[in-house]
Amino acid sequence: MEYLSQKKGFLGYDASQNIDPKVVVVPFGLEKTVSYGSGTRNGPKEIIKASHQVELFDEELNKEPYKEIGIKTLKPFPIKKNIKQALNQLSKINQKIIANNKFPLVFGGEHSITPGSIDPLINKYGDITLLHFDAHADLRESYQGEKFSHASAIKRCLDYKNVKVVSFGIRNLSKPEMDYYNNNKHRIEIFWGKDKKKWDLTQIDNFFKNKTVYITFDVDGFDASIMPATGTPEPGGLLWEDVLPIIKRVCQVSNVVGADINELAPIKNFDSYNFLVAKLAYKILAYTFEFKN
């Protein structure tokens, strides 16, 4: 695997600092099944570009987390044209990363990447609980004739029998998806977007305590007012202050072993959306490694 120089990689910090990297960022701009707006193929490079403007000091944690983490970023590479082959390609990349005891952070691309991303983690850890942020349930068996569609991402993850999912912010799904959810509540928990003001976040421990967790964050989980740069924006979503306490608590009580952030479709000259995603990625890493022990 080839890596970008530290200056060109995620966060772009000074390469003269000798930090043993614990994280590998994987830019994987897969765009095969988007069904409304397009542009997710450009998400990874814009996240990395925006990350160079992220302040490295975290006032909440009162430190510069990157110094304790260390991050390497893979050089962009050709993605397989066939979606099944692309997911297998990502699976093999993450397999190499975790074989070296590193944490994979994948930047999509569309949400269909997630089942490929988690495959080697399931092989290593067995049971996995997904912490899933999204406007959509992504529980369709297929969409527009494609079973590996972005609209089927979580359903494909649940094809693995030892995967469970806890979703936050869902506010758009089909009748068949609702039926599937109702029949599989032993594996799926949904914190509905419409009930955001009534969420009881003390329940987080019930779902995540001492579990092995993978975070998958579809940026359309954010409200469209702060994140219009996505293919299927939805009103009624999450704000920054809604998201961070959830991620922080999950990191405190569980073992987070990987993550992806997907569905950013950059809008020219509106860099604040790219910046939001870059800062989200840094917060996920900061929380993950702050509470690792």
C-alpha atoms as a PDB file:
ATOM      1  CA  MET A   1       0.000   0.000   0.000  1.00  0.00           C
ATOM      2  CA  GLU A   2       1.285   3.446  -0.928  1.00  0.00           C
ATOM      3  CA  TYR A   3       0.716   6.486   1.267  1.00  0.00           C
ATOM      4  CA  LEU A   4       0.440  10.205   0.702  1.00  0.00           C
ATOM      5  CA  SER A   5       3.095  12.414   2.249  1.00  0.00           C
ATOM      6  CA  GLN A   6       2.070  13.572   5.696  1.00  0.00           C
ATOM      7  CA  LYS A   7       1.561  17.129   4.458  1.00  0.00           C
ATOM      8  CA  LYS A   8      -0.895  15.919   1.795  1.00  0.00           C
ATOM      9  CA  GLY A   9      -2.663  13.361   3.976  1.00  0.00           C
ATOM     10  CA  PHE A  10      -5.528  13.718   6.443  1.00  0.00           C
ATOM     11  CA  LEU A  11      -4.943  16.694   8.781  1.00  0.00           C
ATOM     12  CA  GLY A  12      -1.705  17.543   6.947  1.00  0.00           C
ATOM     13  CA  TYR A  13       0.373  17.803  10.098  1.00  0.00           C
ATOM     14  CA  ASP A  14       4.136  18.279  10.141  1.00  0.00           C
ATOM     15  CA  ALA A  15       5.907  15.121   8.996  1.00  0.00           C
ATOM     16  CA  SER A  16       8.959  15.943  11.112  1.00  0.00           C
ATOM     17  CA  GLN A  17       7.012  14.771  14.165  1.00  0.00           C
ATOM     18  CA  ASN A  18       7.865  11.139  14.709  1.00  0.00           C
ATOM     19  CA  ILE A  19       4.448   9.671  15.604  1.00  0.00           C
ATOM     20  CA  ASP A  20       3.792   5.958  15.317  1.00  0.00           C
ATOM     21  CA  PRO A  21       0.532   5.803  13.292  1.00  0.00           C
ATOM     22  CA  LYS A  22      -2.431   3.954  14.755  1.00  0.00           C
ATOM     23  CA  VAL A  23      -4.882   4.974  11.993  1.00  0.00           C
ATOM     24  CA  VAL A  24      -4.963   4.461   8.228  1.00  0.00           C
ATOM     25  CA  VAL A  25      -7.310   6.681   6.231  1.00  0.00           C
ATOM     26  CA  VAL A  26      -8.691   4.992   3.117  1.00  0.00           C
ATOM     27  CA  PRO A  27     -10.060   7.330   0.403  1.00  0.00           C
ATOM     28  CA  PHE A  28     -12.624   5.186  -1.394  1.00  0.00           C
ATOM     29  CA  GLY A  29     -14.753   7.390  -3.634  1.00  0.00           C
ATOM     30  CA  LEU A  30     -17.046   4.654  -4.915  1.00  0.00           C
ATOM     31  CA  GLU A  31     -19.987   6.047  -6.871  1.00  0.00           C
ATOM     32  CA  LYS A  32     -22.015   3.368  -8.637  1.00  0.00           C
ATOM     33  CA  THR A  33     -25.609   3.398  -7.342  1.00  0.00           C
ATOM     34  CA  VAL A  34     -26.433   6.980  -6.349  1.00  0.00           C
ATOM     35  CA  SER A  35     -30.103   7.598  -7.048  1.00  0.00           C
ATOM     36  CA  TYR A  36     -30.610  11.389  -6.853  1.00  0.00           C
ATOM     37  CA  GLY A  37     -27.710  13.836  -6.552  1.00  0.00           C
ATOM     38  CA  SER A  38     -24.222  12.731  -7.577  1.00  0.00           C
ATOM     39  CA  GLY A  39     -20.635  13.673  -6.750  1.00  0.00           C
ATOM     40  CA  THR A  40     -19.728  11.308  -3.915  1.00  0.00           C
ATOM     41  CA  ARG A  41     -16.659  10.202  -5.860  1.00  0.00           C
ATOM     42  CA  ASN A  42     -15.152  13.579  -4.957  1.00  0.00           C
ATOM     43  CA  GLY A  43     -15.933  13.286  -1.252  1.00  0.00           C
ATOM     44  CA  PRO A  44     -12.645  11.779  -0.030  1.00  0.00           C
ATOM     45  CA  LYS A  45     -10.308  14.293  -1.663  1.00  0.00           C
ATOM     46  CA  GLU A  46     -12.397  17.227  -0.417  1.00  0.00           C
ATOM     47  CA  ILE A  47     -12.513  15.849   3.129  1.00  0.00           C
ATOM     48  CA  ILE A  48      -8.732  15.497   3.117  1.00  0.00           C
ATOM     49  CA  LYS A  49      -8.276  18.975   1.618  1.00  0.00           C
ATOM     50  CA  ALA A  50     -10.604  20.541   4.208  1.00  0.00           C
ATOM     51  CA  SER A  51      -8.884  18.671   7.048  1.00  0.00           C
ATOM     52  CA  HIS A  52      -5.797  20.844   6.531  1.00  0.00           C
ATOM     53  CA  GLN A  53      -7.874  23.709   7.957  1.00  0.00           C
ATOM     54  CA  VAL A  54      -9.004  21.790  11.062  1.00  0.00           C
ATOM     55  CA  GLU A  55      -7.428  23.085  14.261  1.00  0.00           C
ATOM     56  CA  LEU A  56      -5.381  20.231  15.739  1.00  0.00           C
ATOM     57  CA  PHE A  57      -6.004  21.288  19.340  1.00  0.00           C
ATOM     58  CA  ASP A  58      -9.234  19.913  20.823  1.00  0.00           C
ATOM     59  CA  GLU A  59     -10.519  22.280  23.496  1.00  0.00           C
ATOM     60  CA  GLU A  60     -12.860  19.633  24.927  1.00  0.00           C
ATOM     61  CA  LEU A  61     -10.090  17.104  25.500  1.00  0.00           C
ATOM     62  CA  ASN A  62      -7.488  19.836  26.164  1.00  0.00           C
ATOM     63  CA  LYS A  63      -4.874  18.256  23.918  1.00  0.00           C
ATOM     64  CA  GLU A  64      -3.798  17.710  20.332  1.00  0.00           C
ATOM     65  CA  PRO A  65      -5.181  14.190  19.854  1.00  0.00           C
ATOM     66  CA  TYR A  66      -3.297  13.498  16.621  1.00  0.00           C
ATOM     67  CA  LYS A  67      -0.003  13.392  18.568  1.00  0.00           C
ATOM     68  CA  GLU A  68      -1.238  10.333  20.472  1.00  0.00           C
ATOM     69  CA  ILE A  69      -2.864   8.732  17.443  1.00  0.00           C
ATOM     70  CA  GLY A  70      -0.751   9.181  14.338  1.00  0.00           C
ATOM     71  CA  ILE A  71      -2.468   8.977  10.955  1.00  0.00           C
ATOM     72  CA  LYS A  72      -1.364   7.723   7.546  1.00  0.00           C
ATOM     73  CA  THR A  73      -3.445   8.270   4.406  1.00  0.00           C
ATOM     74  CA  LEU A  74      -3.475   5.912   1.456  1.00  0.00           C
ATOM     75  CA  LYS A  75      -2.690   7.387  -1.943  1.00  0.00           C
ATOM     76  CA  PRO A  76      -5.774   7.497  -4.185  1.00  0.00           C
ATOM     77  CA  PHE A  77      -5.992   4.379  -6.329  1.00  0.00           C
ATOM     78  CA  PRO A  78      -8.300   3.041  -9.071  1.00  0.00           C
ATOM     79  CA  ILE A  79     -11.514   1.538  -7.704  1.00  0.00           C
ATOM     80  CA  LYS A  80     -12.901  -1.576  -9.385  1.00  0.00           C
ATOM     81  CA  LYS A  81     -15.754  -0.771 -11.770  1.00  0.00           C
ATOM     82  CA  ASN A  82     -17.949  -3.689 -10.736  1.00  0.00           C
ATOM     83  CA  ILE A  83     -19.531  -2.857  -7.372  1.00  0.00           C
ATOM     84  CA  LYS A  84     -19.133  -6.358  -5.923  1.00  0.00           C
ATOM     85  CA  GLN A  85     -15.480  -6.377  -6.936  1.00  0.00           C
ATOM     86  CA  ALA A  86     -15.073  -2.892  -5.458  1.00  0.00           C
ATOM     87  CA  LEU A  87     -16.435  -4.053  -2.094  1.00  0.00           C
ATOM     88  CA  ASN A  88     -14.078  -7.021  -2.181  1.00  0.00           C
ATOM     89  CA  GLN A  89     -11.226  -4.629  -2.980  1.00  0.00           C
ATOM     90  CA  LEU A  90     -12.061  -2.519   0.076  1.00  0.00           C
ATOM     91  CA  SER A  91     -12.358  -5.632   2.225  1.00  0.00           C
ATOM     92  CA  LYS A  92      -8.826  -6.685   1.260  1.00  0.00           C
ATOM     93  CA  ILE A  93      -7.456  -3.217   1.994  1.00  0.00           C
ATOM     94  CA  ASN A  94      -9.006  -3.178   5.470  1.00  0.00           C
ATOM     95  CA  GLN A  95      -7.790  -6.722   6.038  1.00  0.00           C
ATOM     96  CA  LYS A  96      -4.204  -5.525   5.532  1.00  0.00           C
ATOM     97  CA  ILE A  97      -4.787  -2.544   7.817  1.00  0.00           C
ATOM     98  CA  ILE A  98      -6.162  -4.557  10.728  1.00  0.00           C
ATOM     99  CA  ALA A  99      -3.530  -7.263  10.224  1.00  0.00           C
ATOM    100  CA  ASN A 100      -1.052  -4.536  11.176  1.00  0.00           C
ATOM    101  CA  ASN A 101      -3.173  -3.611  14.202  1.00  0.00           C
ATOM    102  CA  LYS A 102      -4.194  -0.270  12.710  1.00  0.00           C
ATOM    103  CA  PHE A 103      -7.599   1.411  12.772  1.00  0.00           C
ATOM    104  CA  PRO A 104      -9.266   1.789   9.345  1.00  0.00           C
ATOM    105  CA  LEU A 105     -11.101   5.068   8.667  1.00  0.00           C
ATOM    106  CA  VAL A 106     -12.750   4.939   5.246  1.00  0.00           C
ATOM    107  CA  PHE A 107     -13.906   8.046   3.395  1.00  0.00           C
ATOM    108  CA  GLY A 108     -16.595   7.299   0.785  1.00  0.00           C
ATOM    109  CA  GLY A 109     -18.058   7.483  -1.734  1.00  0.00           C
ATOM    110  CA  GLU A 110     -21.507   6.160  -1.356  1.00  0.00           C
ATOM    111  CA  HIS A 111     -22.841   4.196   1.613  1.00  0.00           C
ATOM    112  CA  SER A 112     -22.673   0.883  -0.244  1.00  0.00           C
ATOM    113  CA  ILE A 113     -19.028   0.674   0.917  1.00  0.00           C
ATOM    114  CA  THR A 114     -19.908  -0.369   4.474  1.00  0.00           C
ATOM    115  CA  PRO A 115     -20.470  -4.139   4.074  1.00  0.00           C
ATOM    116  CA  GLY A 116     -17.114  -4.406   2.298  1.00  0.00           C
ATOM    117  CA  SER A 117     -15.424  -2.327   4.967  1.00  0.00           C
ATOM    118  CA  ILE A 118     -16.681  -4.411   7.905  1.00  0.00           C
ATOM    119  CA  ASP A 119     -16.064  -7.832   6.355  1.00  0.00           C
ATOM    120  CA  PRO A 120     -12.496  -8.337   7.707  1.00  0.00           C
ATOM    121  CA  LEU A 121     -13.473  -6.868  11.073  1.00  0.00           C
ATOM    122  CA  ILE A 122     -16.204  -9.482  11.435  1.00  0.00           C
ATOM    123  CA  ASN A 123     -13.675 -12.172  10.584  1.00  0.00           C
ATOM    124  CA  LYS A 124     -11.347 -10.858  13.286  1.00  0.00           C
ATOM    125  CA  TYR A 125     -13.763  -9.922  16.078  1.00  0.00           C
ATOM    126  CA  GLY A 126     -16.893 -12.010  15.481  1.00  0.00           C
ATOM    127  CA  ASP A 127     -19.853 -10.049  16.813  1.00  0.00           C
ATOM    128  CA  ILE A 128     -20.034  -6.420  15.642  1.00  0.00           C
ATOM    129  CA  THR A 129     -22.500  -3.683  16.602  1.00  0.00           C
ATOM    130  CA  LEU A 130     -22.894  -0.896  14.066  1.00  0.00           C
ATOM    131  CA  LEU A 131     -23.334   2.658  15.317  1.00  0.00           C
ATOM    132  CA  HIS A 132     -25.238   4.013  12.319  1.00  0.00           C
ATOM    133  CA  PHE A 133     -26.038   7.672  11.622  1.00  0.00           C
ATOM    134  CA  ASP A 134     -28.326   8.240   8.650  1.00  0.00           C
ATOM    135  CA  ALA A 135     -31.516   9.812   7.363  1.00  0.00           C
ATOM    136  CA  HIS A 136     -32.404   6.500   5.731  1.00  0.00           C
ATOM    137  CA  ALA A 137     -32.690   3.005   7.151  1.00  0.00           C
ATOM    138  CA  ASP A 138     -30.868   1.450   4.149  1.00  0.00           C
ATOM    139  CA  LEU A 139     -32.719  -1.813   4.789  1.00  0.00           C
ATOM    140  CA  ARG A 140     -33.966  -2.460   1.246  1.00  0.00           C
ATOM    141  CA  GLU A 141     -33.236  -5.905  -0.126  1.00  0.00           C
ATOM    142  CA  SER A 142     -32.347  -4.154  -3.378  1.00  0.00           C
ATOM    143  CA  TYR A 143     -32.946  -0.834  -5.083  1.00  0.00           C
ATOM    144  CA  GLN A 144     -33.346  -0.223  -8.801  1.00  0.00           C
ATOM    145  CA  GLY A 145     -32.310  -3.825  -9.369  1.00  0.00           C
ATOM    146  CA  GLU A 146     -29.049  -3.610  -7.387  1.00  0.00           C
ATOM    147  CA  LYS A 147     -28.728  -5.549  -4.110  1.00  0.00           C
ATOM    148  CA  PHE A 148     -25.467  -3.754  -3.282  1.00  0.00           C
ATOM    149  CA  SER A 149     -27.093  -0.323  -3.633  1.00  0.00           C
ATOM    150  CA  HIS A 150     -26.409   2.494  -1.181  1.00  0.00           C
ATOM    151  CA  ALA A 151     -30.080   2.032  -0.203  1.00  0.00           C
ATOM    152  CA  SER A 152     -29.280  -1.544   0.876  1.00  0.00           C
ATOM    153  CA  ALA A 153     -26.066  -0.883   2.784  1.00  0.00           C
ATOM    154  CA  ILE A 154     -27.295  -1.816   6.262  1.00  0.00           C
ATOM    155  CA  LYS A 155     -29.310  -4.767   4.952  1.00  0.00           C
ATOM    156  CA  ARG A 156     -26.133  -6.145   3.381  1.00  0.00           C
ATOM    157  CA  CYS A 157     -24.342  -5.689   6.709  1.00  0.00           C
ATOM    158  CA  LEU A 158     -27.148  -7.615   8.432  1.00  0.00           C
ATOM    159  CA  ASP A 159     -26.581 -10.497   6.009  1.00  0.00           C
ATOM    160  CA  TYR A 160     -23.772 -11.281   8.449  1.00  0.00           C
ATOM    161  CA  LYS A 161     -25.584 -13.131  11.221  1.00  0.00           C
ATOM    162  CA  ASN A 162     -23.384 -11.726  13.990  1.00  0.00           C
ATOM    163  CA  VAL A 163     -24.029  -8.056  13.145  1.00  0.00           C
ATOM    164  CA  LYS A 164     -26.479  -5.819  15.019  1.00  0.00           C
ATOM    165  CA  VAL A 165     -27.225  -2.173  14.274  1.00  0.00           C
ATOM    166  CA  VAL A 166     -28.271   0.845  16.331  1.00  0.00           C
ATOM    167  CA  SER A 167     -29.376   3.680  14.040  1.00  0.00           C
ATOM    168  CA  PHE A 168     -29.733   7.376  14.879  1.00  0.00           C
ATOM    169  CA  GLY A 169     -31.635   9.988  12.894  1.00  0.00           C
ATOM    170  CA  ILE A 170     -33.719   7.753  10.608  1.00  0.00           C
ATOM    171  CA  ARG A 171     -36.567   9.702   9.040  1.00  0.00           C
ATOM    172  CA  ASN A 172     -37.142   8.165   5.615  1.00  0.00           C
ATOM    173  CA  LEU A 173     -37.797   4.514   4.772  1.00  0.00           C
ATOM    174  CA  SER A 174     -40.067   2.352   2.642  1.00  0.00           C
ATOM    175  CA  LYS A 175     -42.901   0.109   3.815  1.00  0.00           C
ATOM    176  CA  PRO A 176     -40.868  -3.088   3.146  1.00  0.00           C
ATOM    177  CA  GLU A 177     -38.022  -1.618   5.213  1.00  0.00           C
ATOM    178  CA  MET A 178     -40.406  -0.890   8.070  1.00  0.00           C
ATOM    179  CA  ASP A 179     -41.732  -4.442   7.864  1.00  0.00           C
ATOM    180  CA  TYR A 180     -38.180  -5.814   7.977  1.00  0.00           C
ATOM    181  CA  TYR A 181     -37.379  -3.652  10.984  1.00  0.00           C
ATOM    182  CA  ASN A 182     -40.532  -4.783  12.822  1.00  0.00           C
ATOM    183  CA  ASN A 183     -39.593  -8.409  12.208  1.00  0.00           C
ATOM    184  CA  ASN A 184     -35.967  -7.980  13.309  1.00  0.00           C
ATOM    185  CA  LYS A 185     -36.055  -5.780  16.387  1.00  0.00           C
ATOM    186  CA  HIS A 186     -33.764  -8.236  18.158  1.00  0.00           C
ATOM    187  CA  ARG A 187     -31.013  -7.052  15.781  1.00  0.00           C
ATOM    188  CA  ILE A 188     -32.039  -3.481  14.928  1.00  0.00           C
ATOM    189  CA  GLU A 189     -32.647  -0.527  17.231  1.00  0.00           C
ATOM    190  CA  ILE A 190     -33.755   2.801  15.733  1.00  0.00           C
ATOM    191  CA  PHE A 191     -33.665   6.209  17.364  1.00  0.00           C
ATOM    192  CA  TRP A 192     -36.090   7.960  15.017  1.00  0.00           C
ATOM    193  CA  GLY A 193     -35.355  11.477  13.830  1.00  0.00           C
ATOM    194  CA  LYS A 194     -38.898  12.584  14.686  1.00  0.00           C
ATOM    195  CA  ASP A 195     -38.337  11.641  18.332  1.00  0.00           C
ATOM    196  CA  LYS A 196     -34.968  13.385  18.725  1.00  0.00           C
ATOM    197  CA  LYS A 197     -36.123  15.622  21.576  1.00  0.00           C
ATOM    198  CA  LYS A 198     -37.354  12.573  23.509  1.00  0.00           C
ATOM    199  CA  TRP A 199     -34.320  10.303  23.051  1.00  0.00           C
ATOM    200  CA  ASP A 200     -33.113   8.670  26.251  1.00  0.00           C
ATOM    201  CA  LEU A 201     -29.377   8.454  25.655  1.00  0.00           C
ATOM    202  CA  THR A 202     -28.872   6.574  28.916  1.00  0.00           C
ATOM    203  CA  GLN A 203     -29.963   3.588  26.823  1.00  0.00           C
ATOM    204  CA  ILE A 204     -26.683   3.762  24.903  1.00  0.00           C
ATOM    205  CA  ASP A 205     -24.959   1.601  27.486  1.00  0.00           C
ATOM    206  CA  ASN A 206     -27.585  -1.104  27.038  1.00  0.00           C
ATOM    207  CA  PHE A 207     -26.694  -1.485  23.367  1.00  0.00           C
ATOM    208  CA  PHE A 208     -22.966  -0.776  23.313  1.00  0.00           C
ATOM    209  CA  LYS A 209     -21.357  -1.517  26.677  1.00  0.00           C
ATOM    210  CA  ASN A 210     -18.388  -3.883  26.248  1.00  0.00           C
ATOM    211  CA  LYS A 211     -19.301  -4.460  22.599  1.00  0.00           C
ATOM    212  CA  THR A 212     -17.068  -4.332  19.541  1.00  0.00           C
ATOM    213  CA  VAL A 213     -18.334  -1.385  17.495  1.00  0.00           C
ATOM    214  CA  TYR A 214     -17.978  -0.058  13.975  1.00  0.00           C
ATOM    215  CA  ILE A 215     -19.180   3.492  13.226  1.00  0.00           C
ATOM    216  CA  THR A 216     -20.826   4.180   9.881  1.00  0.00           C
ATOM    217  CA  PHE A 217     -21.839   7.782   9.297  1.00  0.00           C
ATOM    218  CA  ASP A 218     -23.913   8.798   6.290  1.00  0.00           C
ATOM    219  CA  VAL A 219     -23.672  12.595   6.281  1.00  0.00           C
ATOM    220  CA  ASP A 220     -27.331  12.924   5.258  1.00  0.00           C
ATOM    221  CA  GLY A 221     -27.987  11.995   8.879  1.00  0.00           C
ATOM    222  CA  PHE A 222     -27.272  15.651   9.536  1.00  0.00           C
ATOM    223  CA  ASP A 223     -30.111  18.070   8.970  1.00  0.00           C
ATOM    224  CA  ALA A 224     -30.199  19.425   5.418  1.00  0.00           C
ATOM    225  CA  SER A 225     -29.766  22.954   6.778  1.00  0.00           C
ATOM    226  CA  ILE A 226     -26.169  22.187   7.780  1.00  0.00           C
ATOM    227  CA  MET A 227     -25.464  19.392   5.276  1.00  0.00           C
ATOM    228  CA  PRO A 228     -27.025  19.967   1.858  1.00  0.00           C
ATOM    229  CA  ALA A 229     -23.889  18.558   0.177  1.00  0.00           C
ATOM    230  CA  THR A 230     -25.209  15.034  -0.167  1.00  0.00           C
ATOM    231  CA  GLY A 231     -27.162  13.117  -2.761  1.00  0.00           C
ATOM    232  CA  THR A 232     -30.344  12.601  -0.728  1.00  0.00           C
ATOM    233  CA  PRO A 233     -30.661  15.439   1.829  1.00  0.00           C
ATOM    234  CA  GLU A 234     -33.498  15.252   4.345  1.00  0.00           C
ATOM    235  CA  PRO A 235     -35.028  17.853   6.687  1.00  0.00           C
ATOM    236  CA  GLY A 236     -35.578  17.058  10.353  1.00  0.00           C
ATOM    237  CA  GLY A 237     -32.107  15.692  10.967  1.00  0.00           C
ATOM    238  CA  LEU A 238     -29.258  15.839  13.437  1.00  0.00           C
ATOM    239  CA  LEU A 239     -27.162  18.826  14.432  1.00  0.00           C
ATOM    240  CA  TRP A 240     -23.518  18.814  15.510  1.00  0.00           C
ATOM    241  CA  GLU A 241     -24.498  18.999  19.180  1.00  0.00           C
ATOM    242  CA  ASP A 242     -26.803  15.973  18.796  1.00  0.00           C
ATOM    243  CA  VAL A 243     -24.138  13.752  17.297  1.00  0.00           C
ATOM    244  CA  LEU A 244     -21.055  14.293  19.452  1.00  0.00           C
ATOM    245  CA  PRO A 245     -22.498  13.104  22.811  1.00  0.00           C
ATOM    246  CA  ILE A 246     -23.622   9.864  21.173  1.00  0.00           C
ATOM    247  CA  ILE A 247     -20.234   9.127  19.625  1.00  0.00           C
ATOM    248  CA  LYS A 248     -18.421  10.104  22.813  1.00  0.00           C
ATOM    249  CA  ARG A 249     -20.510   7.837  25.032  1.00  0.00           C
ATOM    250  CA  VAL A 250     -20.222   4.879  22.665  1.00  0.00           C
ATOM    251  CA  CYS A 251     -16.440   5.326  22.615  1.00  0.00           C
ATOM    252  CA  GLN A 252     -16.400   5.433  26.427  1.00  0.00           C
ATOM    253  CA  VAL A 253     -18.243   2.143  26.911  1.00  0.00           C
ATOM    254  CA  SER A 254     -17.219   0.034  23.898  1.00  0.00           C
ATOM    255  CA  ASN A 255     -14.280  -0.962  21.705  1.00  0.00           C
ATOM    256  CA  VAL A 256     -14.552   0.992  18.457  1.00  0.00           C
ATOM    257  CA  VAL A 257     -12.483  -0.835  15.830  1.00  0.00           C
ATOM    258  CA  GLY A 258     -13.194   1.034  12.584  1.00  0.00           C
ATOM    259  CA  ALA A 259     -15.328   3.674  10.924  1.00  0.00           C
ATOM    260  CA  ASP A 260     -16.515   5.095   7.651  1.00  0.00           C
ATOM    261  CA  ILE A 261     -17.973   8.457   6.654  1.00  0.00           C
ATOM    262  CA  ASN A 262     -19.811   8.574   3.379  1.00  0.00           C
ATOM    263  CA  GLU A 263     -22.223  10.315   0.988  1.00  0.00           C
ATOM    264  CA  LEU A 264     -20.531  13.726   0.960  1.00  0.00           C
ATOM    265  CA  ALA A 265     -21.185  15.198  -2.499  1.00  0.00           C
ATOM    266  CA  PRO A 266     -19.126  18.408  -2.446  1.00  0.00           C
ATOM    267  CA  ILE A 267     -20.642  21.645  -3.720  1.00  0.00           C
ATOM    268  CA  LYS A 268     -18.168  23.980  -5.434  1.00  0.00           C
ATOM    269  CA  ASN A 269     -17.251  27.018  -3.322  1.00  0.00           C
ATOM    270  CA  PHE A 270     -19.187  25.734  -0.284  1.00  0.00           C
ATOM    271  CA  ASP A 271     -16.265  24.355   1.679  1.00  0.00           C
ATOM    272  CA  SER A 272     -17.970  24.565   5.078  1.00  0.00           C
ATOM    273  CA  TYR A 273     -19.720  21.249   4.375  1.00  0.00           C
ATOM    274  CA  ASN A 274     -16.425  19.526   3.582  1.00  0.00           C
ATOM    275  CA  PHE A 275     -14.922  21.068   6.704  1.00  0.00           C
ATOM    276  CA  LEU A 276     -17.765  19.776   8.872  1.00  0.00           C
ATOM    277  CA  VAL A 277     -17.065  16.223   7.698  1.00  0.00           C
ATOM    278  CA  ALA A 278     -13.309  16.595   8.199  1.00  0.00           C
ATOM    279  CA  LYS A 279     -13.834  17.813  11.761  1.00  0.00           C
ATOM    280  CA  LEU A 280     -16.302  14.986  12.397  1.00  0.00           C
ATOM    281  CA  ALA A 281     -13.660  12.485  11.302  1.00  0.00           C
ATOM    282  CA  TYR A 282     -11.109  14.019  13.678  1.00  0.00           C
ATOM    283  CA  LYS A 283     -13.610  13.945  16.572  1.00  0.00           C
ATOM    284  CA  ILE A 284     -14.389  10.279  15.921  1.00  0.00           C
ATOM    285  CA  LEU A 285     -10.674   9.464  16.100  1.00  0.00           C
ATOM    286  CA  ALA A 286     -10.121  11.701  19.128  1.00  0.00           C
ATOM    287  CA  TYR A 287     -12.923  10.062  21.114  1.00  0.00           C
ATOM    288  CA  THR A 288     -11.996   6.558  19.986  1.00  0.00           C
ATOM    289  CA  PHE A 289      -8.412   6.768  21.182  1.00  0.00           C
ATOM    290  CA  GLU A 290      -9.093   8.942  24.234  1.00  0.00           C
ATOM    291  CA  PHE A 291     -11.129   6.090  25.730  1.00  0.00           C
ATOM    292  CA  LYS A 292      -9.346   3.071  24.201  1.00  0.00           C
ATOM    293  CA  ASN A 293      -8.102   1.793  27.551  1.00  0.00           C
END
